[in-house]
Amino acid sequence: MDEAKLEAKRVIFKNLLKEALGCYQKKDYSKAIELLQNALCLEPKNQKAKKYLQMAKDAQGRGLIISRE
């Protein structure tokens, strides 16, 4: 991959991560998860994105109300 494409990929990743973290802070976990998954498609080994994806999934799970009758 040439340098211009790599740089474009880095910029897209950075923007996705920034938007995802904003969604996470606003407790919009579904959107954060979607954005983080997209970011990880670009940089699958990025530990920060992986960490926040797991945190968003955990937070989303805690927000569910389970009815047991």
Protein backbone atom coordinates (compact mmCIF):
# COMPACT_ATOMS: atom_id res chain seq x y z
CA MET A 1 0.00 0.00 0.00
CA ASP A 2 1.42 3.39 -0.89
CA GLU A 3 2.06 6.14 1.64
CA ALA A 4 -0.93 8.27 0.59
CA LYS A 5 -3.33 5.35 1.11
CA LEU A 6 -1.78 4.52 4.47
CA GLU A 7 -2.13 8.12 5.60
CA ALA A 8 -5.76 8.24 4.44
CA LYS A 9 -6.44 5.02 6.36
CA ARG A 10 -4.83 6.51 9.50
CA VAL A 11 -6.94 9.67 9.22
CA ILE A 12 -10.16 7.68 8.78
CA PHE A 13 -9.25 5.47 11.74
CA LYS A 14 -8.45 8.48 13.92
CA ASN A 15 -11.76 10.16 13.02
CA LEU A 16 -13.76 6.98 13.69
CA LEU A 17 -12.07 6.54 17.05
CA LYS A 18 -12.65 10.16 18.04
CA GLU A 19 -16.34 9.97 17.09
CA ALA A 20 -16.72 6.62 18.88
CA LEU A 21 -15.22 7.99 22.10
CA GLY A 22 -17.60 10.94 21.92
CA CYS A 23 -20.54 8.57 21.57
CA TYR A 24 -19.24 6.48 24.45
CA GLN A 25 -19.03 9.56 26.68
CA LYS A 26 -22.62 10.47 25.72
CA LYS A 27 -23.65 6.90 26.59
CA ASP A 28 -24.66 6.17 23.01
CA TYR A 29 -23.13 2.73 23.27
CA SER A 30 -24.74 1.26 20.15
CA LYS A 31 -23.23 3.95 17.94
CA ALA A 32 -19.89 3.72 19.75
CA ILE A 33 -19.81 -0.04 19.14
CA GLU A 34 -20.59 0.41 15.45
CA LEU A 35 -17.87 3.04 15.01
CA LEU A 36 -15.30 1.05 16.98
CA GLN A 37 -15.98 -2.07 14.92
CA ASN A 38 -15.45 -0.02 11.75
CA ALA A 39 -12.23 1.42 13.20
CA LEU A 40 -10.98 -2.07 14.04
CA CYS A 41 -11.55 -3.15 10.44
CA LEU A 42 -8.90 -0.58 9.53
CA GLU A 43 -6.53 -1.28 12.44
CA PRO A 44 -7.43 -4.68 13.92
CA LYS A 45 -4.60 -4.67 16.47
CA ASN A 46 -5.31 -1.23 17.96
CA GLN A 47 -5.52 -1.82 21.71
CA LYS A 48 -7.32 1.43 22.54
CA ALA A 49 -10.13 0.64 20.09
CA LYS A 50 -10.38 -2.92 21.43
CA LYS A 51 -10.53 -1.67 25.01
CA TYR A 52 -13.28 0.84 24.31
CA LEU A 53 -15.24 -1.68 22.24
CA GLN A 54 -15.29 -4.06 25.19
CA MET A 55 -16.17 -1.25 27.59
CA ALA A 56 -19.05 -0.11 25.34
CA LYS A 57 -20.36 -3.66 25.05
CA ASP A 58 -20.16 -4.08 28.83
CA ALA A 59 -21.91 -0.75 29.44
CA GLN A 60 -24.60 -1.57 26.91
CA GLY A 61 -25.17 -4.93 28.61
CA ARG A 62 -25.58 -3.25 32.00
CA GLY A 63 -28.21 -0.97 30.51
CA LEU A 64 -30.49 -3.81 29.48
CA ILE A 65 -33.48 -4.59 31.62
CA ILE A 66 -34.17 -8.28 31.80
CA SER A 67 -37.70 -9.26 32.68
CA ARG A 68 -38.06 -12.59 34.44
CA GLU A 69 -41.56 -13.75 35.00
